[in-house]
N, C-alpha and C. Protein backbone atom coordinates (compact mmCIF):
# COMPACT_ATOMS: atom_id res chain seq x y z
N MET A 1 -25.01 -53.86 -88.14
CA MET A 1 -23.70 -53.46 -88.62
C MET A 1 -22.67 -54.33 -87.90
N SER A 2 -21.77 -54.95 -88.65
CA SER A 2 -20.75 -55.81 -88.06
C SER A 2 -19.65 -54.95 -87.43
N ASP A 3 -18.79 -55.61 -86.60
CA ASP A 3 -17.69 -54.89 -85.97
C ASP A 3 -16.74 -54.29 -87.01
N GLY A 4 -16.51 -55.02 -88.10
CA GLY A 4 -15.63 -54.55 -89.16
C GLY A 4 -16.16 -53.29 -89.80
N GLU A 5 -17.47 -53.24 -90.03
CA GLU A 5 -18.08 -52.05 -90.63
C GLU A 5 -18.01 -50.87 -89.67
N ARG A 6 -18.24 -51.17 -88.38
CA ARG A 6 -18.19 -50.12 -87.37
C ARG A 6 -16.77 -49.56 -87.28
N GLU A 7 -15.76 -50.45 -87.33
CA GLU A 7 -14.37 -50.01 -87.25
C GLU A 7 -14.00 -49.17 -88.46
N GLU A 8 -14.45 -49.57 -89.66
CA GLU A 8 -14.18 -48.78 -90.85
C GLU A 8 -14.77 -47.39 -90.73
N LYS A 9 -15.99 -47.29 -90.22
CA LYS A 9 -16.64 -46.00 -90.06
C LYS A 9 -15.84 -45.12 -89.10
N GLU A 10 -15.29 -45.71 -88.03
CA GLU A 10 -14.50 -44.94 -87.07
C GLU A 10 -13.27 -44.33 -87.72
N LEU A 11 -12.72 -44.97 -88.73
CA LEU A 11 -11.50 -44.49 -89.36
C LEU A 11 -11.77 -43.51 -90.49
N ASP A 12 -13.01 -43.26 -90.77
CA ASP A 12 -13.39 -42.36 -91.85
C ASP A 12 -13.25 -40.92 -91.38
N LEU A 13 -12.58 -40.08 -92.17
CA LEU A 13 -12.38 -38.69 -91.78
C LEU A 13 -13.66 -37.86 -91.77
N THR A 14 -14.76 -38.44 -92.22
CA THR A 14 -16.03 -37.72 -92.09
C THR A 14 -16.57 -37.84 -90.66
N SER A 15 -15.98 -38.70 -89.86
CA SER A 15 -16.37 -38.86 -88.46
C SER A 15 -15.81 -37.70 -87.64
N THR A 16 -16.68 -37.00 -86.94
CA THR A 16 -16.23 -35.87 -86.12
C THR A 16 -15.31 -36.33 -85.00
N ASP A 17 -15.50 -37.54 -84.50
CA ASP A 17 -14.64 -38.06 -83.44
C ASP A 17 -13.21 -38.22 -83.94
N VAL A 18 -13.04 -38.73 -85.13
CA VAL A 18 -11.71 -38.91 -85.72
C VAL A 18 -11.05 -37.55 -85.94
N VAL A 19 -11.77 -36.61 -86.50
CA VAL A 19 -11.23 -35.28 -86.75
C VAL A 19 -10.86 -34.61 -85.43
N THR A 20 -11.68 -34.77 -84.41
CA THR A 20 -11.39 -34.20 -83.10
C THR A 20 -10.10 -34.77 -82.53
N LYS A 21 -9.90 -36.07 -82.67
CA LYS A 21 -8.67 -36.70 -82.16
C LYS A 21 -7.46 -36.18 -82.90
N TYR A 22 -7.55 -36.05 -84.21
CA TYR A 22 -6.43 -35.49 -84.98
C TYR A 22 -6.14 -34.05 -84.56
N LYS A 23 -7.18 -33.25 -84.43
CA LYS A 23 -6.98 -31.85 -84.04
C LYS A 23 -6.38 -31.75 -82.64
N SER A 24 -6.86 -32.59 -81.74
CA SER A 24 -6.34 -32.57 -80.37
C SER A 24 -4.87 -32.95 -80.32
N THR A 25 -4.49 -34.00 -81.06
CA THR A 25 -3.09 -34.40 -81.07
C THR A 25 -2.22 -33.31 -81.70
N ALA A 26 -2.73 -32.68 -82.73
CA ALA A 26 -1.96 -31.60 -83.38
C ALA A 26 -1.75 -30.43 -82.41
N GLU A 27 -2.78 -30.06 -81.69
CA GLU A 27 -2.65 -28.96 -80.72
C GLU A 27 -1.64 -29.31 -79.63
N ILE A 28 -1.71 -30.52 -79.13
CA ILE A 28 -0.81 -30.94 -78.05
C ILE A 28 0.64 -30.96 -78.53
N VAL A 29 0.88 -31.57 -79.68
CA VAL A 29 2.27 -31.68 -80.16
C VAL A 29 2.82 -30.31 -80.55
N ASN A 30 2.00 -29.41 -81.04
CA ASN A 30 2.48 -28.06 -81.34
C ASN A 30 2.82 -27.29 -80.06
N LYS A 31 2.04 -27.47 -79.01
CA LYS A 31 2.36 -26.84 -77.72
C LYS A 31 3.64 -27.43 -77.14
N ALA A 32 3.82 -28.74 -77.28
CA ALA A 32 5.05 -29.39 -76.79
C ALA A 32 6.26 -28.85 -77.54
N LEU A 33 6.11 -28.68 -78.84
CA LEU A 33 7.21 -28.13 -79.65
C LEU A 33 7.56 -26.72 -79.17
N GLN A 34 6.57 -25.88 -78.96
CA GLN A 34 6.83 -24.52 -78.49
C GLN A 34 7.52 -24.53 -77.13
N LEU A 35 7.14 -25.46 -76.27
CA LEU A 35 7.78 -25.59 -74.96
C LEU A 35 9.26 -25.91 -75.13
N VAL A 36 9.58 -26.88 -75.96
CA VAL A 36 10.97 -27.27 -76.18
C VAL A 36 11.75 -26.12 -76.82
N ILE A 37 11.18 -25.48 -77.83
CA ILE A 37 11.87 -24.35 -78.48
C ILE A 37 12.18 -23.24 -77.48
N SER A 38 11.24 -22.97 -76.59
CA SER A 38 11.44 -21.89 -75.61
C SER A 38 12.61 -22.18 -74.67
N GLU A 39 12.96 -23.43 -74.51
CA GLU A 39 14.06 -23.83 -73.62
C GLU A 39 15.40 -23.95 -74.36
N CYS A 40 15.39 -23.79 -75.67
CA CYS A 40 16.62 -23.93 -76.46
C CYS A 40 17.45 -22.65 -76.34
N LYS A 41 18.47 -22.75 -75.53
CA LYS A 41 19.36 -21.62 -75.28
C LYS A 41 20.79 -22.14 -75.22
N PRO A 42 21.78 -21.29 -75.49
CA PRO A 42 23.16 -21.75 -75.35
C PRO A 42 23.41 -22.33 -73.95
N LYS A 43 24.16 -23.42 -73.92
CA LYS A 43 24.55 -24.14 -72.70
C LYS A 43 23.44 -25.04 -72.15
N ALA A 44 22.27 -25.09 -72.78
CA ALA A 44 21.21 -26.01 -72.34
C ALA A 44 21.63 -27.43 -72.70
N LYS A 45 21.40 -28.37 -71.78
CA LYS A 45 21.74 -29.77 -72.04
C LYS A 45 20.69 -30.36 -72.98
N ILE A 46 21.16 -31.07 -73.99
CA ILE A 46 20.26 -31.66 -74.99
C ILE A 46 19.32 -32.67 -74.33
N VAL A 47 19.85 -33.48 -73.43
CA VAL A 47 19.02 -34.49 -72.77
C VAL A 47 17.89 -33.83 -71.98
N ASP A 48 18.16 -32.70 -71.35
CA ASP A 48 17.12 -31.99 -70.59
C ASP A 48 16.01 -31.50 -71.52
N LEU A 49 16.40 -31.04 -72.70
CA LEU A 49 15.40 -30.57 -73.67
C LEU A 49 14.53 -31.73 -74.15
N CYS A 50 15.16 -32.86 -74.44
CA CYS A 50 14.40 -34.03 -74.88
C CYS A 50 13.43 -34.50 -73.80
N GLU A 51 13.82 -34.33 -72.55
CA GLU A 51 12.98 -34.75 -71.43
C GLU A 51 11.84 -33.77 -71.13
N LYS A 52 11.75 -32.68 -71.85
CA LYS A 52 10.64 -31.72 -71.68
C LYS A 52 9.43 -32.10 -72.54
N GLY A 53 9.68 -32.55 -73.77
CA GLY A 53 8.59 -32.81 -74.71
C GLY A 53 7.71 -33.99 -74.34
N ASP A 54 8.32 -35.14 -74.07
CA ASP A 54 7.54 -36.36 -73.82
C ASP A 54 6.64 -36.27 -72.58
N PRO A 55 7.15 -35.80 -71.43
CA PRO A 55 6.26 -35.68 -70.27
C PRO A 55 5.09 -34.73 -70.51
N PHE A 56 5.33 -33.65 -71.24
CA PHE A 56 4.26 -32.71 -71.56
C PHE A 56 3.18 -33.42 -72.37
N ILE A 57 3.60 -34.17 -73.39
CA ILE A 57 2.65 -34.90 -74.23
C ILE A 57 1.87 -35.92 -73.40
N ARG A 58 2.57 -36.68 -72.55
CA ARG A 58 1.88 -37.68 -71.70
C ARG A 58 0.87 -37.02 -70.77
N GLU A 59 1.26 -35.89 -70.20
CA GLU A 59 0.36 -35.17 -69.28
C GLU A 59 -0.89 -34.69 -70.02
N GLN A 60 -0.69 -34.04 -71.16
CA GLN A 60 -1.81 -33.47 -71.91
C GLN A 60 -2.75 -34.55 -72.45
N THR A 61 -2.20 -35.61 -73.01
CA THR A 61 -3.06 -36.68 -73.55
C THR A 61 -3.71 -37.47 -72.42
N GLY A 62 -3.01 -37.55 -71.29
CA GLY A 62 -3.57 -38.27 -70.14
C GLY A 62 -4.81 -37.62 -69.57
N ASN A 63 -4.98 -36.33 -69.82
CA ASN A 63 -6.16 -35.60 -69.33
C ASN A 63 -7.36 -35.76 -70.24
N MET A 64 -7.20 -36.47 -71.36
CA MET A 64 -8.28 -36.59 -72.33
C MET A 64 -8.85 -38.01 -72.32
N TYR A 65 -10.11 -38.11 -72.60
CA TYR A 65 -10.82 -39.40 -72.76
C TYR A 65 -10.67 -40.28 -71.52
N LYS A 66 -10.76 -39.69 -70.35
CA LYS A 66 -10.67 -40.47 -69.11
C LYS A 66 -11.96 -41.23 -68.83
N ASN A 67 -13.08 -40.62 -69.16
CA ASN A 67 -14.39 -41.18 -68.77
C ASN A 67 -15.14 -41.80 -69.95
N VAL A 68 -14.45 -42.63 -70.71
CA VAL A 68 -15.11 -43.31 -71.83
C VAL A 68 -15.23 -44.78 -71.51
N LYS A 69 -16.15 -45.45 -72.20
CA LYS A 69 -16.44 -46.86 -71.91
C LYS A 69 -15.28 -47.78 -72.25
N ARG A 70 -14.65 -47.56 -73.39
CA ARG A 70 -13.53 -48.43 -73.76
C ARG A 70 -12.21 -47.68 -73.53
N LYS A 71 -11.17 -48.44 -73.24
CA LYS A 71 -9.87 -47.84 -72.99
C LYS A 71 -9.32 -47.26 -74.29
N ILE A 72 -8.89 -46.01 -74.23
CA ILE A 72 -8.31 -45.34 -75.39
C ILE A 72 -6.83 -45.12 -75.11
N GLU A 73 -6.00 -45.74 -75.93
CA GLU A 73 -4.55 -45.55 -75.81
C GLU A 73 -4.22 -44.12 -76.25
N ARG A 74 -3.24 -43.53 -75.59
CA ARG A 74 -2.84 -42.17 -75.94
C ARG A 74 -1.48 -41.88 -75.32
N GLY A 75 -0.78 -40.93 -75.91
CA GLY A 75 0.53 -40.56 -75.38
C GLY A 75 1.52 -40.24 -76.48
N VAL A 76 2.78 -40.59 -76.23
CA VAL A 76 3.87 -40.30 -77.15
C VAL A 76 3.83 -41.29 -78.31
N ALA A 77 3.80 -40.76 -79.52
CA ALA A 77 3.84 -41.61 -80.72
C ALA A 77 5.24 -41.61 -81.33
N PHE A 78 5.99 -40.57 -81.07
CA PHE A 78 7.32 -40.39 -81.63
C PHE A 78 8.10 -39.59 -80.59
N PRO A 79 9.09 -40.20 -79.94
CA PRO A 79 9.79 -39.49 -78.86
C PRO A 79 10.43 -38.19 -79.32
N THR A 80 10.70 -37.31 -78.38
CA THR A 80 11.34 -36.04 -78.68
C THR A 80 12.80 -36.27 -79.06
N TYR A 81 13.15 -35.80 -80.24
CA TYR A 81 14.52 -35.89 -80.74
C TYR A 81 15.03 -34.49 -81.02
N ILE A 82 16.28 -34.26 -80.69
CA ILE A 82 16.91 -32.98 -81.05
C ILE A 82 18.24 -33.32 -81.69
N SER A 83 18.31 -33.10 -82.98
CA SER A 83 19.52 -33.39 -83.75
C SER A 83 20.21 -32.06 -84.05
N ILE A 84 21.51 -32.04 -83.84
CA ILE A 84 22.25 -30.79 -83.96
C ILE A 84 23.23 -30.84 -85.13
N ASN A 85 23.23 -29.76 -85.88
CA ASN A 85 24.18 -29.52 -86.97
C ASN A 85 24.25 -30.69 -87.95
N ASN A 86 25.34 -31.46 -87.97
CA ASN A 86 25.54 -32.51 -88.96
C ASN A 86 24.77 -33.80 -88.67
N THR A 87 24.15 -33.91 -87.52
CA THR A 87 23.32 -35.08 -87.24
C THR A 87 21.99 -34.83 -87.94
N ILE A 88 21.67 -35.70 -88.89
CA ILE A 88 20.53 -35.44 -89.76
C ILE A 88 19.21 -35.49 -88.99
N CYS A 89 18.97 -36.56 -88.27
CA CYS A 89 17.69 -36.66 -87.56
C CYS A 89 17.72 -37.75 -86.51
N HIS A 90 16.71 -37.71 -85.64
CA HIS A 90 16.41 -38.75 -84.66
C HIS A 90 17.51 -39.00 -83.64
N PHE A 91 18.12 -37.94 -83.14
CA PHE A 91 19.11 -38.07 -82.08
C PHE A 91 18.42 -37.91 -80.74
N SER A 92 18.52 -38.94 -79.93
CA SER A 92 17.98 -38.91 -78.58
C SER A 92 19.09 -39.37 -77.64
N PRO A 93 19.63 -38.46 -76.85
CA PRO A 93 20.79 -38.80 -76.03
C PRO A 93 20.44 -39.71 -74.85
N LEU A 94 21.45 -40.43 -74.38
CA LEU A 94 21.31 -41.19 -73.14
C LEU A 94 21.21 -40.20 -71.99
N VAL A 95 20.67 -40.63 -70.88
CA VAL A 95 20.52 -39.75 -69.71
C VAL A 95 21.89 -39.22 -69.27
N SER A 96 22.93 -40.01 -69.45
CA SER A 96 24.27 -39.62 -69.02
C SER A 96 24.97 -38.66 -70.00
N ASP A 97 24.37 -38.40 -71.15
CA ASP A 97 25.00 -37.55 -72.17
C ASP A 97 25.13 -36.13 -71.65
N GLU A 98 26.30 -35.55 -71.86
CA GLU A 98 26.58 -34.18 -71.38
C GLU A 98 26.53 -33.14 -72.49
N GLY A 99 26.06 -33.51 -73.70
CA GLY A 99 26.02 -32.58 -74.83
C GLY A 99 25.19 -31.35 -74.53
N ILE A 100 25.69 -30.19 -74.96
CA ILE A 100 24.97 -28.93 -74.73
C ILE A 100 24.84 -28.18 -76.04
N LEU A 101 23.92 -27.24 -76.05
CA LEU A 101 23.73 -26.37 -77.22
C LEU A 101 24.73 -25.23 -77.19
N GLU A 102 25.15 -24.82 -78.38
CA GLU A 102 26.06 -23.69 -78.52
C GLU A 102 25.43 -22.66 -79.45
N GLU A 103 25.79 -21.42 -79.27
CA GLU A 103 25.33 -20.34 -80.15
C GLU A 103 25.67 -20.71 -81.59
N GLY A 104 24.70 -20.55 -82.50
CA GLY A 104 24.90 -20.84 -83.91
C GLY A 104 24.53 -22.25 -84.33
N ASP A 105 24.22 -23.13 -83.36
CA ASP A 105 23.82 -24.50 -83.71
C ASP A 105 22.52 -24.50 -84.51
N ILE A 106 22.42 -25.42 -85.45
CA ILE A 106 21.18 -25.64 -86.18
C ILE A 106 20.54 -26.89 -85.58
N LEU A 107 19.35 -26.73 -85.04
CA LEU A 107 18.65 -27.83 -84.37
C LEU A 107 17.51 -28.34 -85.23
N LYS A 108 17.33 -29.64 -85.24
CA LYS A 108 16.17 -30.25 -85.86
C LYS A 108 15.40 -30.94 -84.74
N ILE A 109 14.21 -30.49 -84.46
CA ILE A 109 13.41 -31.02 -83.37
C ILE A 109 12.26 -31.83 -83.96
N ASP A 110 12.11 -33.08 -83.52
CA ASP A 110 11.04 -33.96 -83.98
C ASP A 110 10.30 -34.52 -82.77
N MET A 111 8.99 -34.65 -82.88
CA MET A 111 8.19 -35.29 -81.82
C MET A 111 6.81 -35.60 -82.36
N GLY A 112 6.09 -36.47 -81.65
CA GLY A 112 4.74 -36.79 -82.08
C GLY A 112 3.92 -37.35 -80.95
N CYS A 113 2.61 -37.22 -81.09
CA CYS A 113 1.72 -37.80 -80.09
C CYS A 113 0.52 -38.44 -80.79
N HIS A 114 -0.21 -39.25 -80.02
CA HIS A 114 -1.39 -39.90 -80.61
C HIS A 114 -2.50 -40.01 -79.57
N ILE A 115 -3.69 -40.08 -80.08
CA ILE A 115 -4.87 -40.41 -79.29
C ILE A 115 -5.60 -41.48 -80.06
N ASP A 116 -5.71 -42.64 -79.46
CA ASP A 116 -6.42 -43.77 -80.08
C ASP A 116 -5.80 -44.15 -81.43
N GLY A 117 -4.49 -43.95 -81.56
CA GLY A 117 -3.80 -44.30 -82.79
C GLY A 117 -3.83 -43.22 -83.87
N PHE A 118 -4.48 -42.12 -83.62
CA PHE A 118 -4.52 -41.02 -84.57
C PHE A 118 -3.35 -40.09 -84.24
N ILE A 119 -2.37 -40.07 -85.12
CA ILE A 119 -1.07 -39.48 -84.83
C ILE A 119 -0.89 -38.11 -85.47
N ALA A 120 -0.24 -37.22 -84.72
CA ALA A 120 0.24 -35.95 -85.26
C ALA A 120 1.72 -35.86 -84.92
N VAL A 121 2.54 -35.62 -85.92
CA VAL A 121 3.97 -35.44 -85.70
C VAL A 121 4.36 -34.06 -86.19
N VAL A 122 5.44 -33.56 -85.61
CA VAL A 122 5.92 -32.25 -86.00
C VAL A 122 7.45 -32.30 -86.06
N ALA A 123 7.99 -31.56 -86.99
CA ALA A 123 9.44 -31.40 -87.09
C ALA A 123 9.70 -29.92 -87.34
N HIS A 124 10.74 -29.42 -86.73
CA HIS A 124 11.02 -27.99 -86.83
C HIS A 124 12.53 -27.76 -86.84
N THR A 125 12.98 -26.87 -87.69
CA THR A 125 14.38 -26.47 -87.71
C THR A 125 14.49 -25.13 -86.99
N HIS A 126 15.46 -25.06 -86.09
CA HIS A 126 15.64 -23.87 -85.28
C HIS A 126 17.13 -23.52 -85.25
N VAL A 127 17.47 -22.28 -85.50
CA VAL A 127 18.86 -21.84 -85.43
C VAL A 127 19.03 -21.08 -84.12
N LEU A 128 20.02 -21.49 -83.36
CA LEU A 128 20.25 -20.91 -82.05
C LEU A 128 21.15 -19.68 -82.17
N GLN A 129 20.51 -18.57 -82.51
CA GLN A 129 21.25 -17.30 -82.60
C GLN A 129 20.27 -16.14 -82.53
N GLN A 130 20.80 -15.01 -82.12
CA GLN A 130 20.02 -13.78 -82.08
C GLN A 130 20.11 -13.11 -83.45
N GLY A 131 19.05 -12.43 -83.84
CA GLY A 131 19.08 -11.68 -85.08
C GLY A 131 18.84 -12.54 -86.30
N PRO A 132 19.01 -11.94 -87.47
CA PRO A 132 18.72 -12.67 -88.72
C PRO A 132 19.73 -13.79 -88.95
N ILE A 133 19.27 -14.82 -89.63
CA ILE A 133 20.12 -15.96 -89.96
C ILE A 133 20.76 -15.67 -91.30
N ILE A 134 22.08 -15.72 -91.34
CA ILE A 134 22.81 -15.43 -92.58
C ILE A 134 23.86 -16.51 -92.82
N GLY A 135 24.42 -16.49 -94.02
CA GLY A 135 25.51 -17.39 -94.33
C GLY A 135 25.08 -18.81 -94.64
N ARG A 136 25.92 -19.76 -94.29
CA ARG A 136 25.72 -21.16 -94.61
C ARG A 136 24.41 -21.71 -94.02
N ALA A 137 24.07 -21.31 -92.81
CA ALA A 137 22.84 -21.79 -92.19
C ALA A 137 21.63 -21.43 -93.05
N THR A 138 21.63 -20.23 -93.59
CA THR A 138 20.53 -19.80 -94.46
C THR A 138 20.44 -20.68 -95.70
N ASP A 139 21.60 -20.97 -96.30
CA ASP A 139 21.62 -21.81 -97.49
C ASP A 139 21.10 -23.22 -97.22
N VAL A 140 21.51 -23.79 -96.09
CA VAL A 140 21.08 -25.15 -95.74
C VAL A 140 19.57 -25.20 -95.51
N ILE A 141 19.05 -24.25 -94.77
CA ILE A 141 17.62 -24.22 -94.48
C ILE A 141 16.81 -23.97 -95.75
N ALA A 142 17.27 -23.06 -96.59
CA ALA A 142 16.58 -22.78 -97.86
C ALA A 142 16.58 -24.02 -98.76
N ALA A 143 17.70 -24.73 -98.82
CA ALA A 143 17.77 -25.94 -99.65
C ALA A 143 16.82 -27.02 -99.13
N ALA A 144 16.79 -27.21 -97.82
CA ALA A 144 15.88 -28.20 -97.24
C ALA A 144 14.43 -27.83 -97.49
N ASN A 145 14.10 -26.56 -97.37
CA ASN A 145 12.74 -26.10 -97.60
C ASN A 145 12.33 -26.30 -99.06
N THR A 146 13.21 -25.94 -99.98
CA THR A 146 12.92 -26.12 -101.41
C THR A 146 12.71 -27.60 -101.74
N THR A 147 13.56 -28.45 -101.18
CA THR A 147 13.44 -29.90 -101.40
C THR A 147 12.11 -30.42 -100.88
N ALA A 148 11.71 -29.98 -99.71
CA ALA A 148 10.43 -30.41 -99.14
C ALA A 148 9.26 -29.95 -100.01
N GLU A 149 9.33 -28.72 -100.49
CA GLU A 149 8.27 -28.19 -101.36
C GLU A 149 8.16 -28.99 -102.65
N VAL A 150 9.31 -29.33 -103.24
CA VAL A 150 9.32 -30.13 -104.47
C VAL A 150 8.70 -31.49 -104.20
N ALA A 151 9.10 -32.12 -103.10
CA ALA A 151 8.57 -33.45 -102.76
C ALA A 151 7.06 -33.39 -102.57
N LEU A 152 6.58 -32.38 -101.86
CA LEU A 152 5.13 -32.26 -101.63
C LEU A 152 4.35 -32.12 -102.93
N ARG A 153 4.90 -31.40 -103.87
CA ARG A 153 4.22 -31.19 -105.15
C ARG A 153 4.22 -32.46 -106.00
N LEU A 154 5.20 -33.34 -105.78
CA LEU A 154 5.31 -34.56 -106.59
C LEU A 154 4.52 -35.74 -106.02
N VAL A 155 4.18 -35.68 -104.76
CA VAL A 155 3.45 -36.79 -104.15
C VAL A 155 1.99 -36.71 -104.61
N ARG A 156 1.65 -37.58 -105.52
CA ARG A 156 0.32 -37.62 -106.11
C ARG A 156 -0.09 -39.06 -106.30
N LEU A 157 -1.37 -39.28 -106.42
CA LEU A 157 -1.90 -40.60 -106.68
C LEU A 157 -1.29 -41.15 -107.97
N GLY A 158 -0.77 -42.36 -107.90
CA GLY A 158 -0.17 -42.99 -109.06
C GLY A 158 1.33 -42.79 -109.19
N LYS A 159 1.89 -41.84 -108.44
CA LYS A 159 3.34 -41.63 -108.46
C LYS A 159 4.02 -42.67 -107.58
N LYS A 160 5.27 -42.91 -107.86
CA LYS A 160 6.06 -43.85 -107.07
C LYS A 160 7.13 -43.08 -106.30
N ASN A 161 7.62 -43.69 -105.22
CA ASN A 161 8.67 -43.06 -104.43
C ASN A 161 9.86 -42.66 -105.29
N LYS A 162 10.22 -43.53 -106.23
CA LYS A 162 11.39 -43.25 -107.07
C LYS A 162 11.20 -41.99 -107.91
N ASP A 163 9.96 -41.66 -108.27
CA ASP A 163 9.70 -40.44 -109.03
C ASP A 163 10.10 -39.20 -108.21
N VAL A 164 9.76 -39.23 -106.93
CA VAL A 164 10.10 -38.11 -106.04
C VAL A 164 11.60 -38.11 -105.80
N TYR A 165 12.14 -39.28 -105.51
CA TYR A 165 13.57 -39.40 -105.20
C TYR A 165 14.45 -38.89 -106.34
N GLU A 166 14.10 -39.25 -107.56
CA GLU A 166 14.89 -38.84 -108.71
C GLU A 166 14.97 -37.32 -108.84
N VAL A 167 13.88 -36.64 -108.58
CA VAL A 167 13.86 -35.18 -108.69
C VAL A 167 14.66 -34.54 -107.56
N ILE A 168 14.50 -35.08 -106.38
CA ILE A 168 15.23 -34.53 -105.23
C ILE A 168 16.71 -34.73 -105.42
């Protein structure tokens, strides 16, 4: 078997090693997300929250595949971003940024990790308030959810990006 054939086999989802790496990255990034969400409180500094996710991911992935023959890259695949209210996505503050969370903020949290190039990413919308979410925040979240559901149903073999875009 040539190296090319061996590499192709490694990338096949029927390989238990590949599935294990995907599952491991998913577990790690979901735990990192829960850690960041648990720290989202009024007056919390955004930069401090962003600095919670990445070290957790590096620590968790660093504990895996230490004793293997070949070096396996692992760690952060997508840095921790926390975008607030009108900032659509991918906001990562400078260390000197003094931005803080306020009651009623709508947060979009994104992050990802990888093991050997097998990536799991997660994105989550969180509203910083006690009790049920009502009013405009509810409408925005419902609209985003409906749009995502429509897009997922339209992504099919043979479809083009413009087909999804036009419907959205």
